[in-house]
Amino acid sequence: MRRHPFAAVALVAIAITSTATVAHAAAQSLRVDATVAVPSQFRTLGVASGAGAVWATDGTATLTRVDPTSQSVVATIPVPDADIVLSDAGDVWVVSSNGLAYRIDSQTNAVTAKTHVATNATGAAIGDGSLWVAGRLAPAITRVNTTTGKVARVHTPESPRYVTVGAGAVWAASNDSPTIWRINPAKNKVTATIALTDTPHGIIATPTGVFVLGGTNDRIVRINPHTNKIAGFTPIPKADGFIGYGGAIAADAGSVWVTTLTHLLQLDPRSGHILATVAVGTHPSHDPVGLTAVSSGPAGLWVADGDGKAVAEVTHS
């Protein structure tokens, strides 16, 4: 799942170190098709592609709706402390740093529900009929049933920072140590602990593997969900920047998407090989925020450019 860039306040073919031999996928081609300026009092932080639009947050008070066809802003919706944004069928969820999750009806752009989740939320995901929220101030994941609104807490050994759903489980990354936890959603219980050598800066689960942004060594760590063991590493080429302040990770049916400060990378979800990379946005040399989020969904593949206060659509072939 996409990482919150201020939580701590983070075409090249290469081989990965792996315990298995995996066939190489064909190289791809990426290009930036459009850049849409987002009204922002701060910086563009989150992006979600789905529920009939592209949605962007600014970290302060606004959720912006972008029409992917006209590639223009069509609505701004007041949402306090709007940080993380996700889409689910006809609804949009905004998780704010004020400890609330807001549900927005995509037909009316109206806030239809508010739920107390985690103070200082740093990661969120939707799956298994629930919204899952990680907050680094308490050792628990907050689970909100998206149908009933019922709230449950899943205890974790340490404070969680990121969370994702997939590969038969919920996966959370620790805020306090290089650790990943596997959670059984049927029992709301941690069932496995996986030690890393990299500080997690984001996590996403796919049917073939769980991918973790490794901020310590600027690489992507791949976990085998069948064995709960590290299956390989994908180093990020220096030419494509480093994970740093604004790294994010997402996935769709055919790819894993990773942002560095300046580039979007496409990975093969089976092997972890980098298939393509493209520079997105322009970034200052002093204290850049970089690319803060990425989302691939029904409205296309979009990247949040924190420095440019914009969202960019990227196409691939």
C-alpha atoms as a PDB file:
ATOM      1  CA  MET A   1       0.000   0.000   0.000  1.00  0.00           C
ATOM      2  CA  ARG A   2       0.946   3.458  -0.701  1.00  0.00           C
ATOM      3  CA  ARG A   3       3.065   5.023   2.097  1.00  0.00           C
ATOM      4  CA  HIS A   4       2.284   8.322   3.809  1.00  0.00           C
ATOM      5  CA  PRO A   5       5.291  10.513   2.887  1.00  0.00           C
ATOM      6  CA  PHE A   6       5.296  12.540   6.090  1.00  0.00           C
ATOM      7  CA  ALA A   7       4.942   9.683   8.560  1.00  0.00           C
ATOM      8  CA  ALA A   8       8.534   9.930   9.719  1.00  0.00           C
ATOM      9  CA  VAL A   9       8.664  13.505   9.365  1.00  0.00           C
ATOM     10  CA  ALA A  10       9.973   8.396   2.350  1.00  0.00           C
ATOM     11  CA  LEU A  11      13.804   1.600 -19.027  1.00  0.00           C
ATOM     12  CA  VAL A  12      16.270  -0.636 -17.259  1.00  0.00           C
ATOM     13  CA  ALA A  13      16.388  -4.410 -17.013  1.00  0.00           C
ATOM     14  CA  ILE A  14      18.290  -5.752 -14.017  1.00  0.00           C
ATOM     15  CA  ALA A  15      18.671  -9.046 -12.196  1.00  0.00           C
ATOM     16  CA  ILE A  16      17.468  -9.659  -8.669  1.00  0.00           C
ATOM     17  CA  THR A  17      18.915 -11.875  -5.975  1.00  0.00           C
ATOM     18  CA  SER A  18      16.431 -14.697  -5.586  1.00  0.00           C
ATOM     19  CA  THR A  19      16.115 -18.214  -4.266  1.00  0.00           C
ATOM     20  CA  ALA A  20      14.276 -19.281  -7.424  1.00  0.00           C
ATOM     21  CA  THR A  21      14.788 -18.959 -11.169  1.00  0.00           C
ATOM     22  CA  VAL A  22      11.976 -16.936 -12.739  1.00  0.00           C
ATOM     23  CA  ALA A  23      11.347 -16.228 -16.403  1.00  0.00           C
ATOM     24  CA  HIS A  24      11.950 -12.648 -17.520  1.00  0.00           C
ATOM     25  CA  ALA A  25       8.930 -10.594 -18.596  1.00  0.00           C
ATOM     26  CA  ALA A  26       9.073  -8.393 -21.687  1.00  0.00           C
ATOM     27  CA  ALA A  27      10.358  -4.852 -21.291  1.00  0.00           C
ATOM     28  CA  GLN A  28       7.726  -2.140 -21.268  1.00  0.00           C
ATOM     29  CA  SER A  29       7.467   1.508 -22.313  1.00  0.00           C
ATOM     30  CA  LEU A  30       6.159   4.274 -20.032  1.00  0.00           C
ATOM     31  CA  ARG A  31       5.282   7.877 -20.776  1.00  0.00           C
ATOM     32  CA  VAL A  32       3.652  10.789 -18.958  1.00  0.00           C
ATOM     33  CA  ASP A  33       0.469  11.649 -20.849  1.00  0.00           C
ATOM     34  CA  ALA A  34      -0.905  14.478 -18.724  1.00  0.00           C
ATOM     35  CA  THR A  35      -0.151  16.588 -15.680  1.00  0.00           C
ATOM     36  CA  VAL A  36      -3.026  18.196 -13.788  1.00  0.00           C
ATOM     37  CA  ALA A  37      -2.384  20.961 -11.255  1.00  0.00           C
ATOM     38  CA  VAL A  38      -4.161  20.333  -7.948  1.00  0.00           C
ATOM     39  CA  PRO A  39      -5.370  23.221  -5.748  1.00  0.00           C
ATOM     40  CA  SER A  40      -3.256  22.790  -2.645  1.00  0.00           C
ATOM     41  CA  GLN A  41      -2.395  24.784   0.438  1.00  0.00           C
ATOM     42  CA  PHE A  42       0.577  22.509   1.014  1.00  0.00           C
ATOM     43  CA  ARG A  43       1.604  19.727  -1.366  1.00  0.00           C
ATOM     44  CA  THR A  44      -0.110  16.919  -3.211  1.00  0.00           C
ATOM     45  CA  LEU A  45       0.210  13.895  -0.922  1.00  0.00           C
ATOM     46  CA  GLY A  46      -2.197  11.131  -1.922  1.00  0.00           C
ATOM     47  CA  VAL A  47      -3.823   9.863  -5.110  1.00  0.00           C
ATOM     48  CA  ALA A  48      -6.457   7.213  -5.845  1.00  0.00           C
ATOM     49  CA  SER A  49      -7.702   5.984  -9.222  1.00  0.00           C
ATOM     50  CA  GLY A  50     -11.270   4.675  -9.066  1.00  0.00           C
ATOM     51  CA  ALA A  51     -14.915   5.368  -8.232  1.00  0.00           C
ATOM     52  CA  GLY A  52     -15.280   7.217 -11.519  1.00  0.00           C
ATOM     53  CA  ALA A  53     -12.450   9.707 -11.050  1.00  0.00           C
ATOM     54  CA  VAL A  54      -8.958  10.481  -9.850  1.00  0.00           C
ATOM     55  CA  TRP A  55      -8.787  11.755  -6.268  1.00  0.00           C
ATOM     56  CA  ALA A  56      -5.959  13.734  -4.686  1.00  0.00           C
ATOM     57  CA  THR A  57      -5.274  15.021  -1.169  1.00  0.00           C
ATOM     58  CA  ASP A  58      -3.197  17.993  -0.062  1.00  0.00           C
ATOM     59  CA  GLY A  59      -2.423  17.133   3.570  1.00  0.00           C
ATOM     60  CA  THR A  60      -4.416  20.071   4.896  1.00  0.00           C
ATOM     61  CA  ALA A  61      -8.087  20.528   4.091  1.00  0.00           C
ATOM     62  CA  THR A  62      -8.989  19.454   0.570  1.00  0.00           C
ATOM     63  CA  LEU A  63      -9.841  16.379  -1.479  1.00  0.00           C
ATOM     64  CA  THR A  64      -9.660  17.195  -5.191  1.00  0.00           C
ATOM     65  CA  ARG A  65     -11.613  15.331  -7.874  1.00  0.00           C
ATOM     66  CA  VAL A  66     -10.060  15.079 -11.341  1.00  0.00           C
ATOM     67  CA  ASP A  67     -11.964  13.914 -14.424  1.00  0.00           C
ATOM     68  CA  PRO A  68      -9.630  11.410 -16.132  1.00  0.00           C
ATOM     69  CA  THR A  69     -11.239  12.011 -19.532  1.00  0.00           C
ATOM     70  CA  SER A  70     -10.918  15.793 -19.648  1.00  0.00           C
ATOM     71  CA  GLN A  71      -7.855  15.655 -17.369  1.00  0.00           C
ATOM     72  CA  SER A  72      -9.143  18.600 -15.379  1.00  0.00           C
ATOM     73  CA  VAL A  73     -10.218  19.410 -11.833  1.00  0.00           C
ATOM     74  CA  VAL A  74     -14.004  19.131 -11.517  1.00  0.00           C
ATOM     75  CA  ALA A  75     -14.546  19.435  -7.749  1.00  0.00           C
ATOM     76  CA  THR A  76     -12.844  20.285  -4.474  1.00  0.00           C
ATOM     77  CA  ILE A  77     -14.269  18.717  -1.318  1.00  0.00           C
ATOM     78  CA  PRO A  78     -13.497  20.024   2.174  1.00  0.00           C
ATOM     79  CA  VAL A  79     -11.944  17.239   4.281  1.00  0.00           C
ATOM     80  CA  PRO A  80      -9.909  18.243   7.363  1.00  0.00           C
ATOM     81  CA  ASP A  81      -6.281  17.072   7.419  1.00  0.00           C
ATOM     82  CA  ALA A  82      -6.762  15.069   4.216  1.00  0.00           C
ATOM     83  CA  ASP A  83      -3.766  12.746   3.886  1.00  0.00           C
ATOM     84  CA  ILE A  84      -4.342   9.213   2.577  1.00  0.00           C
ATOM     85  CA  VAL A  85      -6.993   8.538  -0.076  1.00  0.00           C
ATOM     86  CA  LEU A  86      -8.362   5.206  -1.338  1.00  0.00           C
ATOM     87  CA  SER A  87     -11.236   4.207  -3.608  1.00  0.00           C
ATOM     88  CA  ASP A  88     -13.606   1.283  -3.149  1.00  0.00           C
ATOM     89  CA  ALA A  89     -16.422   0.615  -5.641  1.00  0.00           C
ATOM     90  CA  GLY A  90     -18.606   3.750  -5.489  1.00  0.00           C
ATOM     91  CA  ASP A  91     -17.008   5.227  -2.388  1.00  0.00           C
ATOM     92  CA  VAL A  92     -13.838   7.124  -1.603  1.00  0.00           C
ATOM     93  CA  TRP A  93     -12.113   6.983   1.778  1.00  0.00           C
ATOM     94  CA  VAL A  94      -9.861   9.711   3.148  1.00  0.00           C
ATOM     95  CA  VAL A  95      -7.795   8.905   6.223  1.00  0.00           C
ATOM     96  CA  SER A  96      -6.737  12.043   8.052  1.00  0.00           C
ATOM     97  CA  SER A  97      -3.979  12.790  10.511  1.00  0.00           C
ATOM     98  CA  ASN A  98      -6.677  13.950  12.953  1.00  0.00           C
ATOM     99  CA  GLY A  99      -7.615  10.329  13.658  1.00  0.00           C
ATOM    100  CA  LEU A 100     -10.721  10.169  11.466  1.00  0.00           C
ATOM    101  CA  ALA A 101     -11.592   8.250   8.310  1.00  0.00           C
ATOM    102  CA  TYR A 102     -14.071  10.041   6.035  1.00  0.00           C
ATOM    103  CA  ARG A 103     -16.289   8.184   3.579  1.00  0.00           C
ATOM    104  CA  ILE A 104     -17.237  10.177   0.483  1.00  0.00           C
ATOM    105  CA  ASP A 105     -20.038   9.274  -1.944  1.00  0.00           C
ATOM    106  CA  SER A 106     -18.539   9.546  -5.426  1.00  0.00           C
ATOM    107  CA  GLN A 107     -21.938  10.381  -6.925  1.00  0.00           C
ATOM    108  CA  THR A 108     -22.570  13.442  -4.746  1.00  0.00           C
ATOM    109  CA  ASN A 109     -19.054  14.303  -3.490  1.00  0.00           C
ATOM    110  CA  ALA A 110     -20.594  14.420   0.000  1.00  0.00           C
ATOM    111  CA  VAL A 111     -19.061  13.066   3.196  1.00  0.00           C
ATOM    112  CA  THR A 112     -21.456  10.318   4.307  1.00  0.00           C
ATOM    113  CA  ALA A 113     -19.637   8.933   7.370  1.00  0.00           C
ATOM    114  CA  LYS A 114     -16.832   9.692   9.802  1.00  0.00           C
ATOM    115  CA  THR A 115     -15.112   6.986  11.855  1.00  0.00           C
ATOM    116  CA  HIS A 116     -12.460   7.263  14.562  1.00  0.00           C
ATOM    117  CA  VAL A 117      -9.481   5.181  13.471  1.00  0.00           C
ATOM    118  CA  ALA A 118      -5.848   5.839  14.393  1.00  0.00           C
ATOM    119  CA  THR A 119      -4.244   9.069  15.518  1.00  0.00           C
ATOM    120  CA  ASN A 120      -1.392  10.056  13.222  1.00  0.00           C
ATOM    121  CA  ALA A 121      -2.393   7.508  10.583  1.00  0.00           C
ATOM    122  CA  THR A 122       0.528   6.545   8.372  1.00  0.00           C
ATOM    123  CA  GLY A 123      -0.884   3.812   6.156  1.00  0.00           C
ATOM    124  CA  ALA A 124      -4.212   2.424   4.982  1.00  0.00           C
ATOM    125  CA  ALA A 125      -5.622  -0.261   2.702  1.00  0.00           C
ATOM    126  CA  ILE A 126      -8.986  -1.654   1.619  1.00  0.00           C
ATOM    127  CA  GLY A 127      -9.638  -5.376   1.346  1.00  0.00           C
ATOM    128  CA  ASP A 128     -11.546  -8.304   2.792  1.00  0.00           C
ATOM    129  CA  GLY A 129     -14.579  -6.057   3.259  1.00  0.00           C
ATOM    130  CA  SER A 130     -12.727  -3.619   5.494  1.00  0.00           C
ATOM    131  CA  LEU A 131     -10.688  -0.450   5.695  1.00  0.00           C
ATOM    132  CA  TRP A 132      -7.424  -1.134   7.538  1.00  0.00           C
ATOM    133  CA  VAL A 133      -5.524   1.768   9.117  1.00  0.00           C
ATOM    134  CA  ALA A 134      -2.038   1.832  10.629  1.00  0.00           C
ATOM    135  CA  GLY A 135      -1.079   4.549  13.080  1.00  0.00           C
ATOM    136  CA  ARG A 136       2.391   4.847  14.526  1.00  0.00           C
ATOM    137  CA  LEU A 137       1.302   5.984  17.991  1.00  0.00           C
ATOM    138  CA  ALA A 138      -0.303   2.725  19.162  1.00  0.00           C
ATOM    139  CA  PRO A 139       0.449  -1.019  18.723  1.00  0.00           C
ATOM    140  CA  ALA A 140      -2.694  -1.855  16.743  1.00  0.00           C
ATOM    141  CA  ILE A 141      -4.282  -1.843  13.298  1.00  0.00           C
ATOM    142  CA  THR A 142      -7.779  -0.338  13.152  1.00  0.00           C
ATOM    143  CA  ARG A 143     -10.255  -2.333  11.071  1.00  0.00           C
ATOM    144  CA  VAL A 144     -13.474  -0.706   9.830  1.00  0.00           C
ATOM    145  CA  ASN A 145     -16.144  -2.884   8.217  1.00  0.00           C
ATOM    146  CA  THR A 146     -17.022  -0.981   5.027  1.00  0.00           C
ATOM    147  CA  THR A 147     -20.615  -2.258   5.086  1.00  0.00           C
ATOM    148  CA  THR A 148     -21.602  -1.908   8.754  1.00  0.00           C
ATOM    149  CA  GLY A 149     -19.055   0.630   9.981  1.00  0.00           C
ATOM    150  CA  LYS A 150     -18.135  -1.664  12.881  1.00  0.00           C
ATOM    151  CA  VAL A 151     -14.645  -1.004  14.279  1.00  0.00           C
ATOM    152  CA  ALA A 152     -12.188  -3.606  15.577  1.00  0.00           C
ATOM    153  CA  ARG A 153      -8.584  -3.345  16.767  1.00  0.00           C
ATOM    154  CA  VAL A 154      -5.915  -5.841  15.764  1.00  0.00           C
ATOM    155  CA  HIS A 155      -3.067  -5.892  18.264  1.00  0.00           C
ATOM    156  CA  THR A 156       0.461  -5.778  16.832  1.00  0.00           C
ATOM    157  CA  PRO A 157       3.750  -6.338  18.712  1.00  0.00           C
ATOM    158  CA  GLU A 158       4.883  -2.781  17.933  1.00  0.00           C
ATOM    159  CA  SER A 159       3.333   0.313  16.400  1.00  0.00           C
ATOM    160  CA  PRO A 160       2.511  -0.282  12.712  1.00  0.00           C
ATOM    161  CA  ARG A 161       3.348   2.163   9.962  1.00  0.00           C
ATOM    162  CA  TYR A 162       2.036   0.626   6.739  1.00  0.00           C
ATOM    163  CA  VAL A 163      -0.585  -1.978   5.853  1.00  0.00           C
ATOM    164  CA  THR A 164      -1.747  -3.892   2.771  1.00  0.00           C
ATOM    165  CA  VAL A 165      -4.246  -6.652   1.973  1.00  0.00           C
ATOM    166  CA  GLY A 166      -3.651  -9.553  -0.415  1.00  0.00           C
ATOM    167  CA  ALA A 167      -2.051 -12.958  -0.899  1.00  0.00           C
ATOM    168  CA  GLY A 168      -4.473 -14.447   1.603  1.00  0.00           C
ATOM    169  CA  ALA A 169      -3.671 -12.138   4.492  1.00  0.00           C
ATOM    170  CA  VAL A 170      -3.245  -8.638   5.864  1.00  0.00           C
ATOM    171  CA  TRP A 171       0.386  -7.485   6.068  1.00  0.00           C
ATOM    172  CA  ALA A 172       1.681  -4.690   8.272  1.00  0.00           C
ATOM    173  CA  ALA A 173       5.081  -3.055   8.537  1.00  0.00           C
ATOM    174  CA  SER A 174       6.465  -1.943  11.877  1.00  0.00           C
ATOM    175  CA  ASN A 175       7.198   1.697  12.645  1.00  0.00           C
ATOM    176  CA  ASP A 176       9.789   0.700  15.248  1.00  0.00           C
ATOM    177  CA  SER A 177      11.896  -2.039  13.649  1.00  0.00           C
ATOM    178  CA  PRO A 178      12.640  -3.717  10.279  1.00  0.00           C
ATOM    179  CA  THR A 179       9.735  -6.118  10.701  1.00  0.00           C
ATOM    180  CA  ILE A 180       6.669  -7.295   8.752  1.00  0.00           C
ATOM    181  CA  TRP A 181       3.678  -9.020  10.379  1.00  0.00           C
ATOM    182  CA  ARG A 182       1.231 -11.354   8.717  1.00  0.00           C
ATOM    183  CA  ILE A 183      -2.331 -10.997  10.059  1.00  0.00           C
ATOM    184  CA  ASN A 184      -5.162 -13.520   9.685  1.00  0.00           C
ATOM    185  CA  PRO A 185      -8.239 -11.366   8.883  1.00  0.00           C
ATOM    186  CA  ALA A 186     -10.613 -14.125  10.002  1.00  0.00           C
ATOM    187  CA  LYS A 187      -9.125 -14.045  13.500  1.00  0.00           C
ATOM    188  CA  ASN A 188      -7.788 -10.459  13.617  1.00  0.00           C
ATOM    189  CA  LYS A 189      -4.532 -11.918  14.886  1.00  0.00           C
ATOM    190  CA  VAL A 190      -0.835 -11.745  13.961  1.00  0.00           C
ATOM    191  CA  THR A 191       0.203 -15.209  12.788  1.00  0.00           C
ATOM    192  CA  ALA A 192       3.783 -14.640  11.567  1.00  0.00           C
ATOM    193  CA  THR A 193       6.656 -12.199  12.020  1.00  0.00           C
ATOM    194  CA  ILE A 194       9.174 -11.617   9.229  1.00  0.00           C
ATOM    195  CA  ALA A 195      12.488  -9.933   9.984  1.00  0.00           C
ATOM    196  CA  LEU A 196      14.028  -7.622   7.387  1.00  0.00           C
ATOM    197  CA  THR A 197      17.369  -5.874   7.081  1.00  0.00           C
ATOM    198  CA  ASP A 198      15.733  -2.794   5.531  1.00  0.00           C
ATOM    199  CA  THR A 199      13.556  -0.179   7.214  1.00  0.00           C
ATOM    200  CA  PRO A 200      10.101  -0.485   5.559  1.00  0.00           C
ATOM    201  CA  HIS A 201       8.956   2.581   3.621  1.00  0.00           C
ATOM    202  CA  GLY A 202       5.831   1.013   2.134  1.00  0.00           C
ATOM    203  CA  ILE A 203       4.269  -2.370   1.413  1.00  0.00           C
ATOM    204  CA  ILE A 204       1.948  -3.944  -1.170  1.00  0.00           C
ATOM    205  CA  ALA A 205       0.631  -7.493  -1.486  1.00  0.00           C
ATOM    206  CA  THR A 206       0.019  -9.254  -4.807  1.00  0.00           C
ATOM    207  CA  PRO A 207      -1.061 -12.849  -5.472  1.00  0.00           C
ATOM    208  CA  THR A 208       2.562 -13.761  -6.238  1.00  0.00           C
ATOM    209  CA  GLY A 209       4.422 -11.875  -3.530  1.00  0.00           C
ATOM    210  CA  VAL A 210       4.526  -9.156  -0.913  1.00  0.00           C
ATOM    211  CA  PHE A 211       6.736  -6.234  -1.929  1.00  0.00           C
ATOM    212  CA  VAL A 212       8.353  -3.930   0.634  1.00  0.00           C
ATOM    213  CA  LEU A 213      10.119  -0.648  -0.076  1.00  0.00           C
ATOM    214  CA  GLY A 214      13.472  -0.938   1.666  1.00  0.00           C
ATOM    215  CA  GLY A 215      14.480   2.576   2.595  1.00  0.00           C
ATOM    216  CA  THR A 216      17.754   1.595   4.259  1.00  0.00           C
ATOM    217  CA  ASN A 217      19.373   0.170   1.119  1.00  0.00           C
ATOM    218  CA  ASP A 218      17.195   1.677  -1.634  1.00  0.00           C
ATOM    219  CA  ARG A 219      15.839  -1.631  -2.826  1.00  0.00           C
ATOM    220  CA  ILE A 220      12.579  -3.539  -3.016  1.00  0.00           C
ATOM    221  CA  VAL A 221      12.283  -6.640  -0.847  1.00  0.00           C
ATOM    222  CA  ARG A 222      10.075  -9.482  -2.105  1.00  0.00           C
ATOM    223  CA  ILE A 223       8.457 -11.866   0.389  1.00  0.00           C
ATOM    224  CA  ASN A 224       7.069 -15.265  -0.563  1.00  0.00           C
ATOM    225  CA  PRO A 225       3.543 -15.382   0.986  1.00  0.00           C
ATOM    226  CA  HIS A 226       3.593 -19.198   1.042  1.00  0.00           C
ATOM    227  CA  THR A 227       6.732 -19.452   3.162  1.00  0.00           C
ATOM    228  CA  ASN A 228       6.753 -16.025   4.874  1.00  0.00           C
ATOM    229  CA  LYS A 229      10.418 -15.737   3.890  1.00  0.00           C
ATOM    230  CA  ILE A 230      12.386 -13.227   1.826  1.00  0.00           C
ATOM    231  CA  ALA A 231      12.448 -14.408  -1.798  1.00  0.00           C
ATOM    232  CA  GLY A 232      14.620 -11.728  -3.346  1.00  0.00           C
ATOM    233  CA  PHE A 233      15.782  -8.131  -3.643  1.00  0.00           C
ATOM    234  CA  THR A 234      15.485  -5.602  -6.453  1.00  0.00           C
ATOM    235  CA  PRO A 235      18.077  -2.800  -6.210  1.00  0.00           C
ATOM    236  CA  ILE A 236      16.954   0.588  -7.515  1.00  0.00           C
ATOM    237  CA  PRO A 237      19.385   1.908 -10.158  1.00  0.00           C
ATOM    238  CA  LYS A 238      21.050   5.156  -9.102  1.00  0.00           C
ATOM    239  CA  ALA A 239      19.870   6.787 -12.329  1.00  0.00           C
ATOM    240  CA  ASP A 240      16.278   6.363 -11.142  1.00  0.00           C
ATOM    241  CA  GLY A 241      16.766   8.212  -7.868  1.00  0.00           C
ATOM    242  CA  PHE A 242      16.313   6.858  -4.378  1.00  0.00           C
ATOM    243  CA  ILE A 243      13.301   6.032  -2.236  1.00  0.00           C
ATOM    244  CA  GLY A 244      14.009   8.769   0.273  1.00  0.00           C
ATOM    245  CA  TYR A 245      11.226  11.049   1.479  1.00  0.00           C
ATOM    246  CA  GLY A 246       8.493  10.354  -1.020  1.00  0.00           C
ATOM    247  CA  GLY A 247       8.641   6.692  -2.009  1.00  0.00           C
ATOM    248  CA  ALA A 248       5.348   4.885  -2.619  1.00  0.00           C
ATOM    249  CA  ILE A 249       4.230   1.465  -3.848  1.00  0.00           C
ATOM    250  CA  ALA A 250       1.079   0.071  -5.484  1.00  0.00           C
ATOM    251  CA  ALA A 251       0.033  -2.821  -7.704  1.00  0.00           C
ATOM    252  CA  ASP A 252      -2.495  -3.897 -10.306  1.00  0.00           C
ATOM    253  CA  ALA A 253      -3.160  -7.170 -12.108  1.00  0.00           C
ATOM    254  CA  GLY A 254       0.021  -7.025 -14.168  1.00  0.00           C
ATOM    255  CA  SER A 255       2.552  -4.817 -12.420  1.00  0.00           C
ATOM    256  CA  VAL A 256       4.002  -3.487  -9.197  1.00  0.00           C
ATOM    257  CA  TRP A 257       4.542   0.284  -9.264  1.00  0.00           C
ATOM    258  CA  VAL A 258       7.198   2.057  -7.193  1.00  0.00           C
ATOM    259  CA  THR A 259       8.055   5.734  -6.952  1.00  0.00           C
ATOM    260  CA  THR A 260      11.397   7.186  -5.981  1.00  0.00           C
ATOM    261  CA  LEU A 261      11.924  10.897  -5.457  1.00  0.00           C
ATOM    262  CA  THR A 262      11.883  11.488  -9.208  1.00  0.00           C
ATOM    263  CA  HIS A 263      10.886   8.343 -11.111  1.00  0.00           C
ATOM    264  CA  LEU A 264       8.100   5.792 -11.496  1.00  0.00           C
ATOM    265  CA  LEU A 265       9.294   2.190 -11.829  1.00  0.00           C
ATOM    266  CA  GLN A 266       7.339  -0.767 -13.216  1.00  0.00           C
ATOM    267  CA  LEU A 267       8.169  -4.204 -11.789  1.00  0.00           C
ATOM    268  CA  ASP A 268       7.187  -7.702 -12.833  1.00  0.00           C
ATOM    269  CA  PRO A 269       5.090  -9.037  -9.905  1.00  0.00           C
ATOM    270  CA  ARG A 270       6.401 -12.586 -10.426  1.00  0.00           C
ATOM    271  CA  SER A 271      10.137 -11.997 -10.617  1.00  0.00           C
ATOM    272  CA  GLY A 272      10.554  -8.499  -9.195  1.00  0.00           C
ATOM    273  CA  HIS A 273      12.532  -7.422 -12.271  1.00  0.00           C
ATOM    274  CA  ILE A 274      12.305  -3.761 -13.279  1.00  0.00           C
ATOM    275  CA  LEU A 275      10.564  -3.555 -16.660  1.00  0.00           C
ATOM    276  CA  ALA A 276      10.520   0.192 -17.248  1.00  0.00           C
ATOM    277  CA  THR A 277      11.054   3.559 -15.628  1.00  0.00           C
ATOM    278  CA  VAL A 278      10.015   7.127 -16.399  1.00  0.00           C
ATOM    279  CA  ALA A 279      10.835  10.514 -14.872  1.00  0.00           C
ATOM    280  CA  VAL A 280       7.774  12.320 -13.510  1.00  0.00           C
ATOM    281  CA  GLY A 281       7.546  15.988 -12.551  1.00  0.00           C
ATOM    282  CA  THR A 282      10.259  18.503 -11.741  1.00  0.00           C
ATOM    283  CA  HIS A 283      11.831  18.657  -8.322  1.00  0.00           C
ATOM    284  CA  PRO A 284      13.973  21.223  -6.488  1.00  0.00           C
ATOM    285  CA  SER A 285      17.537  20.342  -5.641  1.00  0.00           C
ATOM    286  CA  HIS A 286      17.050  21.526  -2.062  1.00  0.00           C
ATOM    287  CA  ASP A 287      14.736  19.549   0.239  1.00  0.00           C
ATOM    288  CA  PRO A 288      12.569  17.895  -2.422  1.00  0.00           C
ATOM    289  CA  VAL A 289       9.464  15.954  -1.402  1.00  0.00           C
ATOM    290  CA  GLY A 290       9.338  13.948  -4.604  1.00  0.00           C
ATOM    291  CA  LEU A 291       6.642  11.583  -5.835  1.00  0.00           C
ATOM    292  CA  THR A 292       4.440  10.875  -2.846  1.00  0.00           C
ATOM    293  CA  ALA A 293       1.855   8.327  -4.054  1.00  0.00           C
ATOM    294  CA  VAL A 294       0.907   6.078  -6.959  1.00  0.00           C
ATOM    295  CA  SER A 295      -2.404   4.403  -7.813  1.00  0.00           C
ATOM    296  CA  SER A 296      -3.470   2.140 -10.661  1.00  0.00           C
ATOM    297  CA  GLY A 297      -7.197   1.593 -11.093  1.00  0.00           C
ATOM    298  CA  PRO A 298     -10.226   2.037 -13.348  1.00  0.00           C
ATOM    299  CA  ALA A 299      -9.335   5.695 -13.969  1.00  0.00           C
ATOM    300  CA  GLY A 300      -5.812   4.838 -15.093  1.00  0.00           C
ATOM    301  CA  LEU A 301      -2.313   4.968 -13.616  1.00  0.00           C
ATOM    302  CA  TRP A 302      -1.666   8.189 -11.695  1.00  0.00           C
ATOM    303  CA  VAL A 303       1.221   9.560  -9.648  1.00  0.00           C
ATOM    304  CA  ALA A 304       1.128  12.335  -7.042  1.00  0.00           C
ATOM    305  CA  ASP A 305       3.882  14.929  -7.529  1.00  0.00           C
ATOM    306  CA  GLY A 306       4.404  16.510  -4.125  1.00  0.00           C
ATOM    307  CA  ASP A 307       6.785  19.199  -5.340  1.00  0.00           C
ATOM    308  CA  GLY A 308       4.695  20.174  -8.365  1.00  0.00           C
ATOM    309  CA  LYS A 309       1.339  20.182  -6.515  1.00  0.00           C
ATOM    310  CA  ALA A 310      -0.026  18.008  -9.308  1.00  0.00           C
ATOM    311  CA  VAL A 311      -1.078  14.537 -10.383  1.00  0.00           C
ATOM    312  CA  ALA A 312       0.339  12.945 -13.516  1.00  0.00           C
ATOM    313  CA  GLU A 313      -1.180  10.231 -15.694  1.00  0.00           C
ATOM    314  CA  VAL A 314       1.259   7.614 -16.960  1.00  0.00           C
ATOM    315  CA  THR A 315       0.461   5.152 -19.746  1.00  0.00           C
ATOM    316  CA  HIS A 316       2.323   1.954 -20.511  1.00  0.00           C
ATOM    317  CA  SER A 317       2.521  -0.525 -23.359  1.00  0.00           C
END
